[in-house]
Amino acid sequence: MAEAVANVARRINATVEEGKDTLDLSNCKLISFPDGVFKVLRSVSENIHVIMLADNEMKALFQQVLFDIHSAER
């Protein structure tokens, strides 16, 4: 679990530092959408337009997650 968290943190940091518009969280072994990502999106949401979540262990994204992401954009 700690390795997965560290991997997500590295990807978020790289995305922010490089000014990319896509946050790639594919293949991170996520079972849910990380709360920490919301905090990052609040500060850099104008730059990130795509979040890739392919090949994780999530069964579904709940409507609340999508609402929170949309709210972070404002």
N, C-alpha and C. Protein backbone atom coordinates (compact mmCIF):
# COMPACT_ATOMS: atom_id res chain seq x y z
N MET A 1 0.83 -1.20 0.00
CA MET A 1 0.00 0.00 0.00
C MET A 1 0.87 1.25 0.00
N ALA A 2 1.91 1.26 0.82
CA ALA A 2 2.79 2.43 0.90
C ALA A 2 3.45 2.70 -0.45
N GLU A 3 3.78 1.65 -1.15
CA GLU A 3 4.40 1.81 -2.47
C GLU A 3 3.42 2.46 -3.45
N ALA A 4 2.16 2.06 -3.38
CA ALA A 4 1.14 2.63 -4.27
C ALA A 4 0.94 4.11 -3.96
N VAL A 5 0.91 4.46 -2.69
CA VAL A 5 0.74 5.87 -2.28
C VAL A 5 1.93 6.69 -2.77
N ALA A 6 3.13 6.17 -2.60
CA ALA A 6 4.33 6.87 -3.04
C ALA A 6 4.33 7.06 -4.56
N ASN A 7 3.85 6.06 -5.29
CA ASN A 7 3.78 6.15 -6.74
C ASN A 7 2.82 7.25 -7.17
N VAL A 8 1.65 7.33 -6.52
CA VAL A 8 0.67 8.37 -6.83
C VAL A 8 1.28 9.75 -6.53
N ALA A 9 1.94 9.88 -5.39
CA ALA A 9 2.55 11.16 -5.02
C ALA A 9 3.61 11.58 -6.03
N ARG A 10 4.42 10.64 -6.48
CA ARG A 10 5.45 10.96 -7.48
C ARG A 10 4.81 11.43 -8.79
N ARG A 11 3.75 10.76 -9.18
CA ARG A 11 3.10 11.14 -10.44
C ARG A 11 2.44 12.52 -10.34
N ILE A 12 1.83 12.80 -9.20
CA ILE A 12 1.22 14.12 -9.00
C ILE A 12 2.30 15.19 -9.03
N ASN A 13 3.38 14.97 -8.29
CA ASN A 13 4.47 15.96 -8.25
C ASN A 13 5.06 16.20 -9.64
N ALA A 14 5.28 15.13 -10.39
CA ALA A 14 5.84 15.27 -11.74
C ALA A 14 4.89 16.05 -12.64
N THR A 15 3.61 15.77 -12.54
CA THR A 15 2.61 16.46 -13.37
C THR A 15 2.61 17.95 -13.06
N VAL A 16 2.63 18.29 -11.78
CA VAL A 16 2.60 19.70 -11.38
C VAL A 16 3.91 20.39 -11.77
N GLU A 17 5.03 19.77 -11.47
CA GLU A 17 6.33 20.38 -11.76
C GLU A 17 6.56 20.58 -13.25
N GLU A 18 6.09 19.65 -14.06
CA GLU A 18 6.29 19.73 -15.50
C GLU A 18 5.20 20.53 -16.20
N GLY A 19 4.19 20.97 -15.45
CA GLY A 19 3.12 21.76 -16.02
C GLY A 19 2.26 21.02 -17.02
N LYS A 20 2.16 19.72 -16.86
CA LYS A 20 1.36 18.90 -17.78
C LYS A 20 -0.13 19.13 -17.54
N ASP A 21 -0.93 18.86 -18.56
CA ASP A 21 -2.38 19.00 -18.41
C ASP A 21 -3.06 17.66 -18.16
N THR A 22 -2.27 16.57 -18.11
CA THR A 22 -2.82 15.24 -17.89
C THR A 22 -2.15 14.60 -16.68
N LEU A 23 -2.97 14.17 -15.74
CA LEU A 23 -2.49 13.44 -14.57
C LEU A 23 -2.72 11.97 -14.84
N ASP A 24 -1.63 11.23 -15.01
CA ASP A 24 -1.73 9.81 -15.35
C ASP A 24 -1.59 8.96 -14.09
N LEU A 25 -2.71 8.45 -13.62
CA LEU A 25 -2.73 7.56 -12.46
C LEU A 25 -3.03 6.12 -12.88
N SER A 26 -2.74 5.80 -14.12
CA SER A 26 -2.94 4.44 -14.62
C SER A 26 -1.97 3.49 -13.94
N ASN A 27 -2.44 2.26 -13.75
CA ASN A 27 -1.61 1.20 -13.18
C ASN A 27 -1.03 1.55 -11.81
N CYS A 28 -1.81 2.22 -10.98
CA CYS A 28 -1.35 2.60 -9.64
C CYS A 28 -1.93 1.70 -8.55
N LYS A 29 -2.65 0.67 -8.94
CA LYS A 29 -3.28 -0.26 -8.00
C LYS A 29 -4.28 0.44 -7.07
N LEU A 30 -4.96 1.46 -7.59
CA LEU A 30 -5.93 2.21 -6.80
C LEU A 30 -7.21 1.41 -6.63
N ILE A 31 -7.72 1.39 -5.41
CA ILE A 31 -9.02 0.76 -5.17
C ILE A 31 -10.10 1.82 -5.00
N SER A 32 -9.68 3.07 -4.81
CA SER A 32 -10.59 4.22 -4.76
C SER A 32 -9.82 5.45 -5.21
N PHE A 33 -10.54 6.52 -5.44
CA PHE A 33 -9.90 7.75 -5.88
C PHE A 33 -9.27 8.42 -4.67
N PRO A 34 -7.97 8.71 -4.69
CA PRO A 34 -7.27 9.25 -3.52
C PRO A 34 -7.74 10.64 -3.13
N ASP A 35 -8.03 10.83 -1.84
CA ASP A 35 -8.44 12.14 -1.34
C ASP A 35 -7.37 13.20 -1.58
N GLY A 36 -6.12 12.82 -1.49
CA GLY A 36 -5.03 13.77 -1.68
C GLY A 36 -5.03 14.40 -3.05
N VAL A 37 -5.56 13.71 -4.03
CA VAL A 37 -5.63 14.26 -5.38
C VAL A 37 -6.55 15.48 -5.40
N PHE A 38 -7.62 15.46 -4.62
CA PHE A 38 -8.52 16.61 -4.55
C PHE A 38 -7.78 17.85 -4.07
N LYS A 39 -6.91 17.70 -3.08
CA LYS A 39 -6.17 18.83 -2.55
C LYS A 39 -5.25 19.42 -3.61
N VAL A 40 -4.62 18.55 -4.38
CA VAL A 40 -3.75 19.01 -5.46
C VAL A 40 -4.57 19.71 -6.53
N LEU A 41 -5.69 19.14 -6.89
CA LEU A 41 -6.52 19.72 -7.94
C LEU A 41 -7.03 21.10 -7.57
N ARG A 42 -7.27 21.33 -6.31
CA ARG A 42 -7.74 22.65 -5.89
C ARG A 42 -6.70 23.72 -6.17
N SER A 43 -5.43 23.38 -6.08
CA SER A 43 -4.39 24.38 -6.29
C SER A 43 -3.90 24.45 -7.73
N VAL A 44 -4.09 23.40 -8.51
CA VAL A 44 -3.58 23.39 -9.89
C VAL A 44 -4.65 22.99 -10.90
N SER A 45 -5.90 23.09 -10.52
CA SER A 45 -6.98 22.59 -11.39
C SER A 45 -7.04 23.29 -12.74
N GLU A 46 -6.57 24.52 -12.84
CA GLU A 46 -6.63 25.20 -14.12
C GLU A 46 -5.67 24.58 -15.13
N ASN A 47 -4.69 23.82 -14.66
CA ASN A 47 -3.72 23.20 -15.56
C ASN A 47 -4.09 21.77 -15.94
N ILE A 48 -4.71 21.03 -15.04
CA ILE A 48 -5.01 19.62 -15.29
C ILE A 48 -6.41 19.48 -15.88
N HIS A 49 -6.46 18.90 -17.07
CA HIS A 49 -7.73 18.74 -17.77
C HIS A 49 -8.13 17.28 -17.94
N VAL A 50 -7.18 16.36 -17.75
CA VAL A 50 -7.44 14.94 -17.94
C VAL A 50 -6.80 14.17 -16.79
N ILE A 51 -7.56 13.22 -16.25
CA ILE A 51 -7.02 12.29 -15.25
C ILE A 51 -7.23 10.89 -15.79
N MET A 52 -6.12 10.20 -16.02
CA MET A 52 -6.18 8.85 -16.56
C MET A 52 -6.17 7.85 -15.41
N LEU A 53 -7.17 6.96 -15.38
CA LEU A 53 -7.32 6.00 -14.28
C LEU A 53 -7.36 4.55 -14.77
N ALA A 54 -6.89 4.29 -15.96
CA ALA A 54 -6.97 2.94 -16.54
C ALA A 54 -6.15 1.94 -15.73
N ASP A 55 -6.59 0.70 -15.79
CA ASP A 55 -5.86 -0.43 -15.21
C ASP A 55 -5.59 -0.29 -13.71
N ASN A 56 -6.59 0.16 -12.99
CA ASN A 56 -6.56 0.18 -11.54
C ASN A 56 -7.55 -0.85 -11.02
N GLU A 57 -7.73 -0.91 -9.73
CA GLU A 57 -8.62 -1.90 -9.14
C GLU A 57 -9.95 -1.30 -8.69
N MET A 58 -10.25 -0.09 -9.15
CA MET A 58 -11.51 0.56 -8.81
C MET A 58 -12.65 -0.12 -9.56
N LYS A 59 -13.74 -0.31 -8.89
CA LYS A 59 -14.92 -0.90 -9.54
C LYS A 59 -15.77 0.16 -10.21
N ALA A 60 -15.81 1.36 -9.63
CA ALA A 60 -16.60 2.45 -10.18
C ALA A 60 -16.17 3.76 -9.56
N LEU A 61 -16.44 4.84 -10.28
CA LEU A 61 -16.27 6.17 -9.71
C LEU A 61 -17.64 6.65 -9.26
N PHE A 62 -17.73 7.05 -8.04
CA PHE A 62 -19.00 7.52 -7.53
C PHE A 62 -19.27 8.94 -8.01
N GLN A 63 -20.52 9.29 -8.09
CA GLN A 63 -20.91 10.61 -8.55
C GLN A 63 -20.26 11.69 -7.69
N GLN A 64 -20.08 11.45 -6.41
CA GLN A 64 -19.47 12.44 -5.52
C GLN A 64 -18.05 12.77 -5.95
N VAL A 65 -17.31 11.78 -6.42
CA VAL A 65 -15.95 12.00 -6.89
C VAL A 65 -15.97 12.95 -8.07
N LEU A 66 -16.84 12.70 -9.02
CA LEU A 66 -16.93 13.55 -10.20
C LEU A 66 -17.38 14.96 -9.82
N PHE A 67 -18.29 15.07 -8.88
CA PHE A 67 -18.74 16.37 -8.41
C PHE A 67 -17.60 17.12 -7.74
N ASP A 68 -16.83 16.43 -6.90
CA ASP A 68 -15.71 17.05 -6.19
C ASP A 68 -14.64 17.53 -7.17
N ILE A 69 -14.39 16.75 -8.21
CA ILE A 69 -13.41 17.15 -9.22
C ILE A 69 -13.90 18.40 -9.95
N HIS A 70 -15.17 18.39 -10.34
CA HIS A 70 -15.74 19.55 -11.03
C HIS A 70 -15.70 20.78 -10.13
N SER A 71 -16.01 20.61 -8.85
CA SER A 71 -15.98 21.73 -7.90
C SER A 71 -14.58 22.28 -7.72
N ALA A 72 -13.58 21.40 -7.78
CA ALA A 72 -12.19 21.84 -7.63
C ALA A 72 -11.76 22.74 -8.78
N GLU A 73 -12.43 22.61 -9.91
CA GLU A 73 -12.08 23.41 -11.09
C GLU A 73 -12.52 24.84 -10.96
N ARG A 74 -13.41 25.12 -10.03
CA ARG A 74 -13.94 26.49 -9.91
C ARG A 74 -13.16 27.33 -8.97
